[in-house]
Amino acid sequence: MNNLEKRIAAWHAAKFGPAVNLPKTYRKLLEEVGELGEAMISGDARAIQEEAGDVALVLCHLVRGGSPDAPSLEAAMELSLMKCEKRLREARKT
């Protein structure tokens, strides 16, 4: 886990404690995605960056599940990228 992920984990632990309320956190994710959409519509580059960061923070919280031993968002993205790369290789074979 890199330093940024450690800081995020510490912030979430301090704010929310060890447990993650998945339905509540999912609703928060949807709220943040909506705010990102609004920023994109406005074309405000700074707001887009900030709202994208908010989405990423909520995703970190979901992936880690509130546990310092849970996988990181980086690990989740690695798994997803491996899956997408495999699909691309398979599509190119056909």
PDB file of N, CA and C in Angstrom:
ATOM      1  N   MET A   1       0.860  -1.175   0.000  1.00  0.00           N
ATOM      2  CA  MET A   1       0.000   0.000   0.000  1.00  0.00           C
ATOM      3  C   MET A   1       0.906   1.238   0.000  1.00  0.00           C
ATOM      4  N   ASN A   2       0.615   2.169  -0.907  1.00  0.00           N
ATOM      5  CA  ASN A   2       1.434   3.373  -0.968  1.00  0.00           C
ATOM      6  C   ASN A   2       1.008   4.372   0.105  1.00  0.00           C
ATOM      7  N   ASN A   3       1.765   5.454   0.224  1.00  0.00           N
ATOM      8  CA  ASN A   3       1.522   6.438   1.281  1.00  0.00           C
ATOM      9  C   ASN A   3       0.143   7.091   1.152  1.00  0.00           C
ATOM     10  N   LEU A   4      -0.272   7.391  -0.072  1.00  0.00           N
ATOM     11  CA  LEU A   4      -1.584   8.006  -0.261  1.00  0.00           C
ATOM     12  C   LEU A   4      -2.691   7.079   0.223  1.00  0.00           C
ATOM     13  N   GLU A   5      -2.603   5.795  -0.126  1.00  0.00           N
ATOM     14  CA  GLU A   5      -3.613   4.838   0.326  1.00  0.00           C
ATOM     15  C   GLU A   5      -3.603   4.702   1.846  1.00  0.00           C
ATOM     16  N   LYS A   6      -2.445   4.787   2.465  1.00  0.00           N
ATOM     17  CA  LYS A   6      -2.374   4.737   3.933  1.00  0.00           C
ATOM     18  C   LYS A   6      -3.073   5.951   4.539  1.00  0.00           C
ATOM     19  N   ARG A   7      -2.854   7.128   3.951  1.00  0.00           N
ATOM     20  CA  ARG A   7      -3.519   8.333   4.443  1.00  0.00           C
ATOM     21  C   ARG A   7      -5.026   8.234   4.282  1.00  0.00           C
ATOM     22  N   ILE A   8      -5.463   7.712   3.132  1.00  0.00           N
ATOM     23  CA  ILE A   8      -6.901   7.550   2.891  1.00  0.00           C
ATOM     24  C   ILE A   8      -7.493   6.577   3.899  1.00  0.00           C
ATOM     25  N   ALA A   9      -6.807   5.449   4.121  1.00  0.00           N
ATOM     26  CA  ALA A   9      -7.290   4.449   5.079  1.00  0.00           C
ATOM     27  C   ALA A   9      -7.379   5.037   6.483  1.00  0.00           C
ATOM     28  N   ALA A  10      -6.389   5.813   6.871  1.00  0.00           N
ATOM     29  CA  ALA A  10      -6.393   6.426   8.205  1.00  0.00           C
ATOM     30  C   ALA A  10      -7.539   7.427   8.334  1.00  0.00           C
ATOM     31  N   TRP A  11      -7.766   8.224   7.286  1.00  0.00           N
ATOM     32  CA  TRP A  11      -8.852   9.193   7.314  1.00  0.00           C
ATOM     33  C   TRP A  11     -10.201   8.493   7.432  1.00  0.00           C
ATOM     34  N   HIS A  12     -10.394   7.440   6.627  1.00  0.00           N
ATOM     35  CA  HIS A  12     -11.666   6.709   6.681  1.00  0.00           C
ATOM     36  C   HIS A  12     -11.870   6.041   8.032  1.00  0.00           C
ATOM     37  N   ALA A  13     -10.805   5.469   8.595  1.00  0.00           N
ATOM     38  CA  ALA A  13     -10.921   4.821   9.907  1.00  0.00           C
ATOM     39  C   ALA A  13     -11.297   5.848  10.968  1.00  0.00           C
ATOM     40  N   ALA A  14     -10.693   7.031  10.902  1.00  0.00           N
ATOM     41  CA  ALA A  14     -10.993   8.080  11.880  1.00  0.00           C
ATOM     42  C   ALA A  14     -12.421   8.597  11.719  1.00  0.00           C
ATOM     43  N   LYS A  15     -12.887   8.710  10.474  1.00  0.00           N
ATOM     44  CA  LYS A  15     -14.214   9.271  10.230  1.00  0.00           C
ATOM     45  C   LYS A  15     -15.326   8.251  10.409  1.00  0.00           C
ATOM     46  N   PHE A  16     -15.110   7.026   9.907  1.00  0.00           N
ATOM     47  CA  PHE A  16     -16.185   6.036   9.852  1.00  0.00           C
ATOM     48  C   PHE A  16     -15.999   4.844  10.780  1.00  0.00           C
ATOM     49  N   GLY A  17     -14.827   4.679  11.359  1.00  0.00           N
ATOM     50  CA  GLY A  17     -14.560   3.494  12.176  1.00  0.00           C
ATOM     51  C   GLY A  17     -14.236   2.304  11.292  1.00  0.00           C
ATOM     52  N   PRO A  18     -14.153   1.123  11.892  1.00  0.00           N
ATOM     53  CA  PRO A  18     -13.698  -0.044  11.130  1.00  0.00           C
ATOM     54  C   PRO A  18     -14.735  -0.643  10.189  1.00  0.00           C
ATOM     55  N   ALA A  19     -15.996  -0.415  10.455  1.00  0.00           N
ATOM     56  CA  ALA A  19     -17.036  -1.057   9.640  1.00  0.00           C
ATOM     57  C   ALA A  19     -17.429  -0.180   8.464  1.00  0.00           C
ATOM     58  N   VAL A  20     -17.786  -0.823   7.359  1.00  0.00           N
ATOM     59  CA  VAL A  20     -18.268  -0.113   6.183  1.00  0.00           C
ATOM     60  C   VAL A  20     -19.739  -0.469   5.991  1.00  0.00           C
ATOM     61  N   ASN A  21     -20.569   0.552   5.949  1.00  0.00           N
ATOM     62  CA  ASN A  21     -21.979   0.360   5.645  1.00  0.00           C
ATOM     63  C   ASN A  21     -22.093   0.412   4.123  1.00  0.00           C
ATOM     64  N   LEU A  22     -22.121  -0.770   3.491  1.00  0.00           N
ATOM     65  CA  LEU A  22     -22.073  -0.828   2.033  1.00  0.00           C
ATOM     66  C   LEU A  22     -23.215  -0.086   1.355  1.00  0.00           C
ATOM     67  N   PRO A  23     -24.479  -0.251   1.769  1.00  0.00           N
ATOM     68  CA  PRO A  23     -25.544   0.511   1.100  1.00  0.00           C
ATOM     69  C   PRO A  23     -25.350   2.028   1.214  1.00  0.00           C
ATOM     70  N   LYS A  24     -24.968   2.496   2.385  1.00  0.00           N
ATOM     71  CA  LYS A  24     -24.759   3.931   2.587  1.00  0.00           C
ATOM     72  C   LYS A  24     -23.578   4.422   1.753  1.00  0.00           C
ATOM     73  N   THR A  25     -22.522   3.640   1.718  1.00  0.00           N
ATOM     74  CA  THR A  25     -21.340   4.027   0.954  1.00  0.00           C
ATOM     75  C   THR A  25     -21.634   3.997  -0.540  1.00  0.00           C
ATOM     76  N   TYR A  26     -22.437   3.041  -0.976  1.00  0.00           N
ATOM     77  CA  TYR A  26     -22.831   2.992  -2.385  1.00  0.00           C
ATOM     78  C   TYR A  26     -23.646   4.236  -2.758  1.00  0.00           C
ATOM     79  N   ARG A  27     -24.544   4.631  -1.889  1.00  0.00           N
ATOM     80  CA  ARG A  27     -25.328   5.850  -2.147  1.00  0.00           C
ATOM     81  C   ARG A  27     -24.405   7.073  -2.234  1.00  0.00           C
ATOM     82  N   LYS A  28     -23.393   7.095  -1.374  1.00  0.00           N
ATOM     83  CA  LYS A  28     -22.417   8.192  -1.403  1.00  0.00           C
ATOM     84  C   LYS A  28     -21.659   8.171  -2.732  1.00  0.00           C
ATOM     85  N   LEU A  29     -21.313   6.991  -3.218  1.00  0.00           N
ATOM     86  CA  LEU A  29     -20.636   6.874  -4.504  1.00  0.00           C
ATOM     87  C   LEU A  29     -21.502   7.454  -5.616  1.00  0.00           C
ATOM     88  N   LEU A  30     -22.783   7.103  -5.619  1.00  0.00           N
ATOM     89  CA  LEU A  30     -23.689   7.628  -6.637  1.00  0.00           C
ATOM     90  C   LEU A  30     -23.798   9.153  -6.553  1.00  0.00           C
ATOM     91  N   GLU A  31     -23.840   9.673  -5.345  1.00  0.00           N
ATOM     92  CA  GLU A  31     -23.890  11.127  -5.144  1.00  0.00           C
ATOM     93  C   GLU A  31     -22.644  11.775  -5.750  1.00  0.00           C
ATOM     94  N   GLU A  32     -21.486  11.192  -5.461  1.00  0.00           N
ATOM     95  CA  GLU A  32     -20.229  11.762  -5.959  1.00  0.00           C
ATOM     96  C   GLU A  32     -20.136  11.649  -7.479  1.00  0.00           C
ATOM     97  N   VAL A  33     -20.618  10.558  -8.051  1.00  0.00           N
ATOM     98  CA  VAL A  33     -20.626  10.416  -9.509  1.00  0.00           C
ATOM     99  C   VAL A  33     -21.537  11.482 -10.124  1.00  0.00           C
ATOM    100  N   GLY A  34     -22.660  11.753  -9.487  1.00  0.00           N
ATOM    101  CA  GLY A  34     -23.550  12.814  -9.955  1.00  0.00           C
ATOM    102  C   GLY A  34     -22.862  14.172  -9.936  1.00  0.00           C
ATOM    103  N   GLU A  35     -22.128  14.443  -8.876  1.00  0.00           N
ATOM    104  CA  GLU A  35     -21.402  15.710  -8.786  1.00  0.00           C
ATOM    105  C   GLU A  35     -20.309  15.782  -9.848  1.00  0.00           C
ATOM    106  N   LEU A  36     -19.673  14.650 -10.148  1.00  0.00           N
ATOM    107  CA  LEU A  36     -18.683  14.607 -11.219  1.00  0.00           C
ATOM    108  C   LEU A  36     -19.349  14.920 -12.557  1.00  0.00           C
ATOM    109  N   GLY A  37     -20.514  14.357 -12.784  1.00  0.00           N
ATOM    110  CA  GLY A  37     -21.251  14.633 -14.003  1.00  0.00           C
ATOM    111  C   GLY A  37     -21.585  16.105 -14.148  1.00  0.00           C
ATOM    112  N   GLU A  38     -22.006  16.727 -13.051  1.00  0.00           N
ATOM    113  CA  GLU A  38     -22.314  18.155 -13.076  1.00  0.00           C
ATOM    114  C   GLU A  38     -21.075  18.976 -13.411  1.00  0.00           C
ATOM    115  N   ALA A  39     -19.945  18.580 -12.839  1.00  0.00           N
ATOM    116  CA  ALA A  39     -18.688  19.282 -13.121  1.00  0.00           C
ATOM    117  C   ALA A  39     -18.302  19.119 -14.586  1.00  0.00           C
ATOM    118  N   MET A  40     -18.517  17.941 -15.127  1.00  0.00           N
ATOM    119  CA  MET A  40     -18.191  17.696 -16.532  1.00  0.00           C
ATOM    120  C   MET A  40     -19.081  18.537 -17.445  1.00  0.00           C
ATOM    121  N   ILE A  41     -20.358  18.632 -17.103  1.00  0.00           N
ATOM    122  CA  ILE A  41     -21.284  19.440 -17.900  1.00  0.00           C
ATOM    123  C   ILE A  41     -20.871  20.907 -17.869  1.00  0.00           C
ATOM    124  N   SER A  42     -20.425  21.368 -16.713  1.00  0.00           N
ATOM    125  CA  SER A  42     -20.016  22.774 -16.582  1.00  0.00           C
ATOM    126  C   SER A  42     -18.694  23.048 -17.291  1.00  0.00           C
ATOM    127  N   GLY A  43     -17.893  21.995 -17.490  1.00  0.00           N
ATOM    128  CA  GLY A  43     -16.598  22.173 -18.142  1.00  0.00           C
ATOM    129  C   GLY A  43     -15.530  22.747 -17.237  1.00  0.00           C
ATOM    130  N   ASP A  44     -15.791  22.804 -15.948  1.00  0.00           N
ATOM    131  CA  ASP A  44     -14.847  23.350 -14.973  1.00  0.00           C
ATOM    132  C   ASP A  44     -13.777  22.295 -14.669  1.00  0.00           C
ATOM    133  N   ALA A  45     -12.578  22.473 -15.222  1.00  0.00           N
ATOM    134  CA  ALA A  45     -11.514  21.476 -15.098  1.00  0.00           C
ATOM    135  C   ALA A  45     -11.135  21.209 -13.641  1.00  0.00           C
ATOM    136  N   ARG A  46     -11.072  22.248 -12.840  1.00  0.00           N
ATOM    137  CA  ARG A  46     -10.714  22.078 -11.408  1.00  0.00           C
ATOM    138  C   ARG A  46     -11.792  21.268 -10.686  1.00  0.00           C
ATOM    139  N   ALA A  47     -13.065  21.570 -10.951  1.00  0.00           N
ATOM    140  CA  ALA A  47     -14.159  20.840 -10.316  1.00  0.00           C
ATOM    141  C   ALA A  47     -14.169  19.383 -10.779  1.00  0.00           C
ATOM    142  N   ILE A  48     -13.872  19.142 -12.046  1.00  0.00           N
ATOM    143  CA  ILE A  48     -13.810  17.759 -12.543  1.00  0.00           C
ATOM    144  C   ILE A  48     -12.743  16.988 -11.784  1.00  0.00           C
ATOM    145  N   GLN A  49     -11.579  17.590 -11.622  1.00  0.00           N
ATOM    146  CA  GLN A  49     -10.490  16.927 -10.899  1.00  0.00           C
ATOM    147  C   GLN A  49     -10.887  16.646  -9.448  1.00  0.00           C
ATOM    148  N   GLU A  50     -11.481  17.623  -8.802  1.00  0.00           N
ATOM    149  CA  GLU A  50     -11.880  17.455  -7.400  1.00  0.00           C
ATOM    150  C   GLU A  50     -12.953  16.384  -7.248  1.00  0.00           C
ATOM    151  N   GLU A  51     -13.948  16.417  -8.102  1.00  0.00           N
ATOM    152  CA  GLU A  51     -15.036  15.435  -7.994  1.00  0.00           C
ATOM    153  C   GLU A  51     -14.557  14.033  -8.364  1.00  0.00           C
ATOM    154  N   ALA A  52     -13.655  13.927  -9.339  1.00  0.00           N
ATOM    155  CA  ALA A  52     -13.076  12.617  -9.662  1.00  0.00           C
ATOM    156  C   ALA A  52     -12.309  12.078  -8.463  1.00  0.00           C
ATOM    157  N   GLY A  53     -11.627  12.954  -7.753  1.00  0.00           N
ATOM    158  CA  GLY A  53     -10.924  12.551  -6.534  1.00  0.00           C
ATOM    159  C   GLY A  53     -11.891  12.068  -5.468  1.00  0.00           C
ATOM    160  N   ASP A  54     -13.032  12.748  -5.339  1.00  0.00           N
ATOM    161  CA  ASP A  54     -14.043  12.319  -4.369  1.00  0.00           C
ATOM    162  C   ASP A  54     -14.554  10.914  -4.709  1.00  0.00           C
ATOM    163  N   VAL A  55     -14.796  10.669  -6.007  1.00  0.00           N
ATOM    164  CA  VAL A  55     -15.239   9.335  -6.436  1.00  0.00           C
ATOM    165  C   VAL A  55     -14.176   8.300  -6.067  1.00  0.00           C
ATOM    166  N   ALA A  56     -12.917   8.622  -6.326  1.00  0.00           N
ATOM    167  CA  ALA A  56     -11.825   7.691  -6.023  1.00  0.00           C
ATOM    168  C   ALA A  56     -11.738   7.402  -4.517  1.00  0.00           C
ATOM    169  N   LEU A  57     -11.943   8.426  -3.688  1.00  0.00           N
ATOM    170  CA  LEU A  57     -11.899   8.209  -2.233  1.00  0.00           C
ATOM    171  C   LEU A  57     -12.991   7.240  -1.783  1.00  0.00           C
ATOM    172  N   VAL A  58     -14.188   7.411  -2.316  1.00  0.00           N
ATOM    173  CA  VAL A  58     -15.284   6.513  -1.945  1.00  0.00           C
ATOM    174  C   VAL A  58     -14.995   5.094  -2.443  1.00  0.00           C
ATOM    175  N   LEU A  59     -14.442   4.986  -3.647  1.00  0.00           N
ATOM    176  CA  LEU A  59     -14.079   3.661  -4.162  1.00  0.00           C
ATOM    177  C   LEU A  59     -13.022   2.996  -3.280  1.00  0.00           C
ATOM    178  N   CYS A  60     -12.052   3.774  -2.817  1.00  0.00           N
ATOM    179  CA  CYS A  60     -11.043   3.226  -1.892  1.00  0.00           C
ATOM    180  C   CYS A  60     -11.716   2.651  -0.661  1.00  0.00           C
ATOM    181  N   HIS A  61     -12.678   3.384  -0.132  1.00  0.00           N
ATOM    182  CA  HIS A  61     -13.390   2.945   1.068  1.00  0.00           C
ATOM    183  C   HIS A  61     -14.149   1.644   0.795  1.00  0.00           C
ATOM    184  N   LEU A  62     -14.818   1.573  -0.348  1.00  0.00           N
ATOM    185  CA  LEU A  62     -15.561   0.355  -0.694  1.00  0.00           C
ATOM    186  C   LEU A  62     -14.634  -0.846  -0.861  1.00  0.00           C
ATOM    187  N   VAL A  63     -13.534  -0.641  -1.584  1.00  0.00           N
ATOM    188  CA  VAL A  63     -12.611  -1.745  -1.859  1.00  0.00           C
ATOM    189  C   VAL A  63     -11.967  -2.246  -0.570  1.00  0.00           C
ATOM    190  N   ARG A  64     -11.556  -1.345   0.260  1.00  0.00           N
ATOM    191  CA  ARG A  64     -10.862  -1.738   1.492  1.00  0.00           C
ATOM    192  C   ARG A  64     -11.833  -2.314   2.518  1.00  0.00           C
ATOM    193  N   GLY A  65     -13.086  -2.017   2.373  1.00  0.00           N
ATOM    194  CA  GLY A  65     -14.065  -2.554   3.304  1.00  0.00           C
ATOM    195  C   GLY A  65     -13.827  -2.134   4.737  1.00  0.00           C
ATOM    196  N   GLY A  66     -13.104  -1.048   4.922  1.00  0.00           N
ATOM    197  CA  GLY A  66     -12.837  -0.562   6.264  1.00  0.00           C
ATOM    198  C   GLY A  66     -11.750  -1.321   6.993  1.00  0.00           C
ATOM    199  N   SER A  67     -11.118  -2.281   6.319  1.00  0.00           N
ATOM    200  CA  SER A  67     -10.071  -3.088   6.960  1.00  0.00           C
ATOM    201  C   SER A  67      -8.710  -2.724   6.405  1.00  0.00           C
ATOM    202  N   PRO A  68      -7.733  -2.449   7.260  1.00  0.00           N
ATOM    203  CA  PRO A  68      -6.400  -2.120   6.766  1.00  0.00           C
ATOM    204  C   PRO A  68      -5.734  -3.284   6.025  1.00  0.00           C
ATOM    205  N   ASP A  69      -6.235  -4.496   6.211  1.00  0.00           N
ATOM    206  CA  ASP A  69      -5.660  -5.660   5.542  1.00  0.00           C
ATOM    207  C   ASP A  69      -6.357  -5.988   4.224  1.00  0.00           C
ATOM    208  N   ALA A  70      -7.417  -5.244   3.895  1.00  0.00           N
ATOM    209  CA  ALA A  70      -8.163  -5.495   2.659  1.00  0.00           C
ATOM    210  C   ALA A  70      -7.359  -5.010   1.463  1.00  0.00           C
ATOM    211  N   PRO A  71      -7.669  -5.508   0.282  1.00  0.00           N
ATOM    212  CA  PRO A  71      -6.957  -5.059  -0.917  1.00  0.00           C
ATOM    213  C   PRO A  71      -7.122  -3.561  -1.136  1.00  0.00           C
ATOM    214  N   SER A  72      -6.181  -2.991  -1.833  1.00  0.00           N
ATOM    215  CA  SER A  72      -6.219  -1.563  -2.125  1.00  0.00           C
ATOM    216  C   SER A  72      -6.973  -1.309  -3.428  1.00  0.00           C
ATOM    217  N   LEU A  73      -7.292  -0.057  -3.666  1.00  0.00           N
ATOM    218  CA  LEU A  73      -7.903   0.316  -4.933  1.00  0.00           C
ATOM    219  C   LEU A  73      -6.942  -0.002  -6.075  1.00  0.00           C
ATOM    220  N   GLU A  74      -5.663   0.205  -5.848  1.00  0.00           N
ATOM    221  CA  GLU A  74      -4.668  -0.126  -6.872  1.00  0.00           C
ATOM    222  C   GLU A  74      -4.718  -1.614  -7.211  1.00  0.00           C
ATOM    223  N   ALA A  75      -4.845  -2.467  -6.207  1.00  0.00           N
ATOM    224  CA  ALA A  75      -4.941  -3.913  -6.448  1.00  0.00           C
ATOM    225  C   ALA A  75      -6.213  -4.247  -7.221  1.00  0.00           C
ATOM    226  N   ALA A  76      -7.303  -3.578  -6.895  1.00  0.00           N
ATOM    227  CA  ALA A  76      -8.562  -3.810  -7.606  1.00  0.00           C
ATOM    228  C   ALA A  76      -8.443  -3.373  -9.060  1.00  0.00           C
ATOM    229  N   MET A  77      -7.788  -2.246  -9.298  1.00  0.00           N
ATOM    230  CA  MET A  77      -7.602  -1.779 -10.672  1.00  0.00           C
ATOM    231  C   MET A  77      -6.686  -2.717 -11.444  1.00  0.00           C
ATOM    232  N   GLU A  78      -5.687  -3.269 -10.782  1.00  0.00           N
ATOM    233  CA  GLU A  78      -4.794  -4.240 -11.420  1.00  0.00           C
ATOM    234  C   GLU A  78      -5.575  -5.467 -11.870  1.00  0.00           C
ATOM    235  N   LEU A  79      -6.447  -5.982 -11.005  1.00  0.00           N
ATOM    236  CA  LEU A  79      -7.278  -7.132 -11.371  1.00  0.00           C
ATOM    237  C   LEU A  79      -8.173  -6.816 -12.564  1.00  0.00           C
ATOM    238  N   SER A  80      -8.767  -5.642 -12.544  1.00  0.00           N
ATOM    239  CA  SER A  80      -9.654  -5.237 -13.629  1.00  0.00           C
ATOM    240  C   SER A  80      -8.888  -5.080 -14.935  1.00  0.00           C
ATOM    241  N   LEU A  81      -7.707  -4.472 -14.865  1.00  0.00           N
ATOM    242  CA  LEU A  81      -6.905  -4.299 -16.070  1.00  0.00           C
ATOM    243  C   LEU A  81      -6.480  -5.644 -16.642  1.00  0.00           C
ATOM    244  N   MET A  82      -6.104  -6.572 -15.777  1.00  0.00           N
ATOM    245  CA  MET A  82      -5.727  -7.912 -16.247  1.00  0.00           C
ATOM    246  C   MET A  82      -6.898  -8.569 -16.971  1.00  0.00           C
ATOM    247  N   LYS A  83      -8.098  -8.428 -16.433  1.00  0.00           N
ATOM    248  CA  LYS A  83      -9.298  -8.982 -17.057  1.00  0.00           C
ATOM    249  C   LYS A  83      -9.531  -8.352 -18.425  1.00  0.00           C
ATOM    250  N   CYS A  84      -9.408  -7.016 -18.500  1.00  0.00           N
ATOM    251  CA  CYS A  84      -9.632  -6.311 -19.763  1.00  0.00           C
ATOM    252  C   CYS A  84      -8.562  -6.683 -20.797  1.00  0.00           C
ATOM    253  N   GLU A  85      -7.327  -6.804 -20.355  1.00  0.00           N
ATOM    254  CA  GLU A  85      -6.245  -7.194 -21.271  1.00  0.00           C
ATOM    255  C   GLU A  85      -6.473  -8.596 -21.816  1.00  0.00           C
ATOM    256  N   LYS A  86      -6.944  -9.498 -20.949  1.00  0.00           N
ATOM    257  CA  LYS A  86      -7.235 -10.865 -21.386  1.00  0.00           C
ATOM    258  C   LYS A  86      -8.337 -10.864 -22.436  1.00  0.00           C
ATOM    259  N   ARG A  87      -9.384 -10.105 -22.206  1.00  0.00           N
ATOM    260  CA  ARG A  87     -10.483 -10.008 -23.168  1.00  0.00           C
ATOM    261  C   ARG A  87      -9.991  -9.452 -24.511  1.00  0.00           C
ATOM    262  N   LEU A  88      -9.109  -8.461 -24.445  1.00  0.00           N
ATOM    263  CA  LEU A  88      -8.572  -7.891 -25.690  1.00  0.00           C
ATOM    264  C   LEU A  88      -7.747  -8.928 -26.465  1.00  0.00           C
ATOM    265  N   ARG A  89      -6.905  -9.677 -25.732  1.00  0.00           N
ATOM    266  CA  ARG A  89      -6.110 -10.719 -26.389  1.00  0.00           C
ATOM    267  C   ARG A  89      -7.028 -11.758 -27.045  1.00  0.00           C
ATOM    268  N   GLU A  90      -8.063 -12.158 -26.304  1.00  0.00           N
ATOM    269  CA  GLU A  90      -9.002 -13.161 -26.841  1.00  0.00           C
ATOM    270  C   GLU A  90      -9.758 -12.624 -28.040  1.00  0.00           C
ATOM    271  N   ALA A  91     -10.135 -11.351 -28.031  1.00  0.00           N
ATOM    272  CA  ALA A  91     -10.849 -10.748 -29.155  1.00  0.00           C
ATOM    273  C   ALA A  91      -9.960 -10.670 -30.387  1.00  0.00           C
ATOM    274  N   ARG A  92      -8.691 -10.451 -30.195  1.00  0.00           N
ATOM    275  CA  ARG A  92      -7.764 -10.347 -31.322  1.00  0.00           C
ATOM    276  C   ARG A  92      -7.501 -11.704 -31.973  1.00  0.00           C
ATOM    277  N   LYS A  93      -7.701 -12.782 -31.197  1.00  0.00           N
ATOM    278  CA  LYS A  93      -7.496 -14.130 -31.727  1.00  0.00           C
ATOM    279  C   LYS A  93      -8.597 -14.535 -32.689  1.00  0.00           C
ATOM    280  N   THR A  94      -9.775 -13.959 -32.542  1.00  0.00           N
ATOM    281  CA  THR A  94     -10.921 -14.351 -33.381  1.00  0.00           C
ATOM    282  C   THR A  94     -10.990 -13.560 -34.663  1.00  0.00           C
TER     283      THR A  94
END
